[in-house]
Amino acid sequence: MKRLLLVFAVMLFVFASSAPVSAQATLSLTGGVNLSTLTADAPFARDVWHSESLARMSVGLAATIPASKHLGVQVGIAYAQKGGRLSALDNSQLVTVDMALDYFEFTLLAVPTLPLSSWERSSLRFFVGPTLASRVSCDFHASGWLGAEHVAAAGSCDAGPDEIEAAMDLGVALGGGIAVGVTDRAAVNVDLLYTLGLIPIGGGDSYWSGPRHRVLTLRAGMAVPIG
């Protein structure tokens, strides 16, 4: 984690130093909701498990450094809650497992912009780029029926035979949004991002070896100039 924070700081310094003199870099405080799903590519996993989304939280900071008049680079860090709900039939009994995985997530996004002539100081923004997340916690809550009795269990995913081994989550994000200038020095941003997980969140031969994250993020923030 310390190495990732150092890399983030170096990237921010390099991009800010290389921004055009006439351009204005901005810093945004963002918050929003993650609709997170765990999906498995393996056919046996798709047959066994049914995936549902969980609504979780995301808060972070994002620095946007202009590279040209209509193109910027955004470096961000967020506390991103992910996971998902998996359900299956076990001997005709429904079993549901909620997975809650929390990450520090780093993003490096290209940000093309398109000014809106109808709204002063407003623009459309588009995003595309990689994400890298370092897991800080993992918990589960399982429930089901044993005959006529309802049973439940909860605990950490980082212990036991179904331990989640992958501490990192690599993905690619794309989306768009709108920035509306409310003053000469502040703007309100509303963005919608979709992050496609590229690697499984687990390891080994357990049920958790296949699922990958699919996350739809609705976020809003306030941007102020820096530098």
Protein backbone atom coordinates (compact mmCIF):
# COMPACT_ATOMS: atom_id res chain seq x y z
CA MET A 1 0.00 0.00 0.00
CA LYS A 2 2.80 2.47 0.86
CA ARG A 3 4.40 1.79 -2.53
CA LEU A 4 1.12 2.44 -4.33
CA LEU A 5 0.65 5.73 -2.46
CA LEU A 6 4.20 6.74 -3.42
CA VAL A 7 3.54 5.90 -7.07
CA PHE A 8 0.31 7.93 -6.94
CA ALA A 9 2.13 10.95 -5.50
CA VAL A 10 4.91 10.73 -8.12
CA MET A 11 2.37 10.44 -10.97
CA LEU A 12 0.45 13.46 -9.68
CA PHE A 13 3.66 15.52 -9.43
CA VAL A 14 4.84 14.52 -12.91
CA PHE A 15 1.52 15.27 -14.59
CA ALA A 16 1.06 18.56 -12.74
CA SER A 17 4.59 19.64 -13.65
CA SER A 18 4.07 18.83 -17.34
CA ALA A 19 0.71 20.64 -17.66
CA PRO A 20 0.64 23.63 -20.04
CA VAL A 21 1.36 26.91 -18.30
CA SER A 22 -1.92 28.46 -19.48
CA ALA A 23 -3.99 25.46 -18.38
CA GLN A 24 -5.58 25.09 -14.95
CA ALA A 25 -5.36 21.83 -13.04
CA THR A 26 -8.24 20.99 -10.68
CA LEU A 27 -8.72 18.87 -7.58
CA SER A 28 -12.07 17.17 -6.96
CA LEU A 29 -13.53 15.63 -3.83
CA THR A 30 -15.95 12.95 -5.01
CA GLY A 31 -18.54 10.71 -3.42
CA GLY A 32 -21.07 8.29 -4.78
CA VAL A 33 -22.56 4.84 -5.04
CA ASN A 34 -21.06 1.65 -6.48
CA LEU A 35 -23.48 -0.89 -7.94
CA SER A 36 -21.13 -3.86 -7.74
CA THR A 37 -21.58 -7.34 -9.19
CA LEU A 38 -19.42 -10.46 -9.11
CA THR A 39 -19.55 -12.45 -12.34
CA ALA A 40 -17.77 -15.67 -13.27
CA ASP A 41 -16.54 -16.60 -16.73
CA ALA A 42 -16.33 -20.34 -16.05
CA PRO A 43 -19.44 -22.18 -17.35
CA PHE A 44 -19.75 -24.31 -14.18
CA ALA A 45 -19.74 -21.19 -12.03
CA ARG A 46 -22.45 -19.51 -14.11
CA ASP A 47 -24.57 -22.66 -13.80
CA VAL A 48 -24.13 -22.84 -10.01
CA TRP A 49 -24.19 -19.18 -8.94
CA HIS A 50 -26.62 -16.40 -9.76
CA SER A 51 -25.15 -12.90 -9.45
CA GLU A 52 -26.89 -9.80 -8.11
CA SER A 53 -25.66 -6.27 -7.50
CA LEU A 54 -24.98 -4.68 -4.14
CA ALA A 55 -25.16 -0.91 -3.59
CA ARG A 56 -21.99 0.20 -1.81
CA MET A 57 -20.01 3.41 -1.27
CA SER A 58 -17.14 5.22 -3.01
CA VAL A 59 -15.36 8.38 -1.83
CA GLY A 60 -12.13 9.83 -3.17
CA LEU A 61 -9.93 12.56 -4.58
CA ALA A 62 -9.17 13.16 -8.26
CA ALA A 63 -6.69 15.59 -9.82
CA THR A 64 -7.35 16.53 -13.44
CA ILE A 65 -4.39 17.99 -15.33
CA PRO A 66 -5.02 19.51 -18.80
CA ALA A 67 -2.81 18.14 -21.58
CA SER A 68 -4.40 20.33 -24.27
CA LYS A 69 -7.47 22.51 -24.73
CA HIS A 70 -9.89 19.59 -24.92
CA LEU A 71 -7.95 16.74 -23.32
CA GLY A 72 -6.88 16.11 -19.75
CA VAL A 73 -5.45 13.36 -17.58
CA GLN A 74 -7.14 12.47 -14.30
CA VAL A 75 -5.23 10.74 -11.50
CA GLY A 76 -7.49 9.55 -8.71
CA ILE A 77 -7.56 7.63 -5.46
CA ALA A 78 -10.76 6.39 -3.83
CA TYR A 79 -11.95 4.24 -0.98
CA ALA A 80 -14.09 1.95 -3.14
CA GLN A 81 -16.44 -0.64 -1.68
CA LYS A 82 -17.12 -3.52 -4.04
CA GLY A 83 -18.39 -7.10 -3.87
CA GLY A 84 -21.69 -8.64 -4.83
CA ARG A 85 -24.45 -11.08 -3.95
CA LEU A 86 -24.25 -14.70 -5.07
CA SER A 87 -27.14 -17.14 -4.71
CA ALA A 88 -27.47 -20.83 -5.51
CA LEU A 89 -29.64 -23.86 -4.91
CA ASP A 90 -28.03 -26.47 -2.67
CA ASN A 91 -30.15 -29.64 -2.40
CA SER A 92 -33.20 -27.57 -3.38
CA GLN A 93 -32.42 -25.03 -0.64
CA LEU A 94 -31.59 -21.43 -1.55
CA VAL A 95 -28.22 -20.21 -0.26
CA THR A 96 -27.28 -16.53 -0.48
CA VAL A 97 -23.80 -15.10 0.06
CA ASP A 98 -23.09 -11.36 0.28
CA MET A 99 -19.44 -10.53 -0.38
CA ALA A 100 -18.16 -7.15 0.84
CA LEU A 101 -14.68 -6.25 -0.43
CA ASP A 102 -13.20 -2.82 0.29
CA TYR A 103 -10.29 -1.33 -1.66
CA PHE A 104 -8.06 1.67 -2.07
CA GLU A 105 -8.45 2.18 -5.81
CA PHE A 106 -6.11 4.15 -8.07
CA THR A 107 -7.21 5.40 -11.49
CA LEU A 108 -5.37 6.93 -14.45
CA LEU A 109 -7.94 8.22 -16.93
CA ALA A 110 -7.80 10.13 -20.18
CA VAL A 111 -10.46 12.86 -20.06
CA PRO A 112 -11.58 14.32 -23.41
CA THR A 113 -13.93 17.30 -22.93
CA LEU A 114 -16.56 18.94 -25.09
CA PRO A 115 -17.68 22.48 -24.11
CA LEU A 116 -21.44 23.10 -23.99
CA SER A 117 -22.26 26.33 -25.78
CA SER A 118 -25.75 26.46 -24.24
CA TRP A 119 -24.40 26.46 -20.64
CA GLU A 120 -21.67 28.89 -19.66
CA ARG A 121 -18.61 27.29 -18.00
CA SER A 122 -20.02 23.80 -18.61
CA SER A 123 -18.70 20.80 -20.54
CA LEU A 124 -19.24 17.14 -21.26
CA ARG A 125 -16.44 14.85 -20.10
CA PHE A 126 -15.52 11.33 -21.15
CA PHE A 127 -13.29 8.87 -19.30
CA VAL A 128 -11.22 5.85 -20.26
CA GLY A 129 -8.24 4.21 -18.58
CA PRO A 130 -6.92 1.57 -16.18
CA THR A 131 -7.72 1.05 -12.50
CA LEU A 132 -5.67 -0.72 -9.85
CA ALA A 133 -7.09 -1.48 -6.41
CA SER A 134 -5.46 -2.78 -3.24
CA ARG A 135 -7.82 -4.68 -0.92
CA VAL A 136 -8.09 -3.54 2.68
CA SER A 137 -10.86 -5.84 3.92
CA CYS A 138 -13.08 -8.71 2.86
CA ASP A 139 -16.16 -10.01 4.69
CA PHE A 140 -19.07 -12.29 3.86
CA HIS A 141 -22.55 -12.96 5.13
CA ALA A 142 -24.18 -16.26 4.16
CA SER A 143 -27.74 -17.36 4.83
CA GLY A 144 -29.96 -20.26 3.84
CA TRP A 145 -32.34 -22.92 5.02
CA LEU A 146 -31.48 -26.25 6.63
CA GLY A 147 -34.77 -28.05 6.42
CA ALA A 148 -37.26 -25.77 8.18
CA GLU A 149 -34.52 -23.91 10.05
CA HIS A 150 -33.01 -20.69 8.79
CA VAL A 151 -29.24 -20.55 9.31
CA ALA A 152 -26.74 -17.74 8.82
CA ALA A 153 -22.99 -17.23 9.09
CA ALA A 154 -20.68 -14.25 8.78
CA GLY A 155 -16.95 -13.67 8.93
CA SER A 156 -13.81 -12.70 7.12
CA CYS A 157 -13.01 -13.91 3.60
CA ASP A 158 -9.32 -13.82 4.49
CA ALA A 159 -9.40 -17.01 6.57
CA GLY A 160 -10.45 -20.59 5.99
CA PRO A 161 -10.55 -22.87 2.94
CA ASP A 162 -12.33 -20.30 0.75
CA GLU A 163 -9.82 -17.55 1.47
CA ILE A 164 -9.79 -14.74 -1.09
CA GLU A 165 -6.16 -14.81 -2.15
CA ALA A 166 -6.01 -11.96 -4.69
CA ALA A 167 -5.12 -8.76 -2.82
CA MET A 168 -5.22 -6.65 -6.02
CA ASP A 169 -8.00 -5.89 -8.45
CA LEU A 170 -7.08 -4.71 -11.94
CA GLY A 171 -9.66 -3.22 -14.27
CA VAL A 172 -10.47 -0.75 -17.02
CA ALA A 173 -12.94 2.09 -16.58
CA LEU A 174 -14.93 4.08 -19.10
CA GLY A 175 -17.78 6.54 -18.82
CA GLY A 176 -18.86 10.13 -19.06
CA GLY A 177 -20.24 13.06 -17.15
CA ILE A 178 -20.89 16.75 -17.01
CA ALA A 179 -19.02 19.58 -15.31
CA VAL A 180 -20.96 22.74 -14.46
CA GLY A 181 -19.11 25.85 -13.32
CA VAL A 182 -20.91 27.37 -10.33
CA THR A 183 -18.34 30.16 -9.84
CA ASP A 184 -15.17 31.29 -11.60
CA ARG A 185 -13.16 29.00 -9.31
CA ALA A 186 -15.42 26.02 -8.63
CA ALA A 187 -17.39 23.46 -10.62
CA VAL A 188 -19.79 20.67 -9.79
CA ASN A 189 -19.15 17.34 -11.52
CA VAL A 190 -21.56 14.43 -12.01
CA ASP A 191 -20.09 11.29 -13.61
CA LEU A 192 -21.16 7.76 -14.48
CA LEU A 193 -18.35 5.18 -14.77
CA TYR A 194 -18.34 1.48 -15.58
CA THR A 195 -15.36 -0.56 -14.38
CA LEU A 196 -14.69 -3.96 -15.92
CA GLY A 197 -12.60 -6.24 -13.69
CA LEU A 198 -9.84 -8.01 -15.61
CA ILE A 199 -8.63 -10.54 -13.03
CA PRO A 200 -10.45 -12.95 -10.67
CA ILE A 201 -10.76 -11.79 -7.08
CA GLY A 202 -9.87 -15.25 -5.73
CA GLY A 203 -7.42 -18.05 -6.21
CA GLY A 204 -7.18 -21.80 -5.94
CA ASP A 205 -9.93 -24.29 -6.79
CA SER A 206 -12.70 -22.81 -4.65
CA TYR A 207 -15.94 -21.24 -5.89
CA TRP A 208 -14.26 -17.85 -5.48
CA SER A 209 -11.54 -18.49 -8.09
CA GLY A 210 -13.67 -17.21 -10.98
CA PRO A 211 -15.70 -14.11 -10.03
CA ARG A 212 -14.59 -10.74 -11.38
CA HIS A 213 -15.94 -7.33 -10.51
CA ARG A 214 -18.35 -5.37 -12.69
CA VAL A 215 -18.98 -1.98 -11.08
CA LEU A 216 -21.26 0.89 -12.13
CA THR A 217 -20.33 4.07 -10.24
CA LEU A 218 -22.46 7.18 -9.95
CA ARG A 219 -20.38 9.93 -8.37
CA ALA A 220 -20.63 13.67 -7.79
CA GLY A 221 -18.00 16.13 -6.67
CA MET A 222 -16.78 19.67 -6.33
CA ALA A 223 -13.68 20.71 -8.33
CA VAL A 224 -11.44 23.63 -7.41
CA PRO A 225 -8.29 24.88 -9.19
CA ILE A 226 -4.84 23.94 -7.91
CA GLY A 227 -1.34 25.04 -8.80
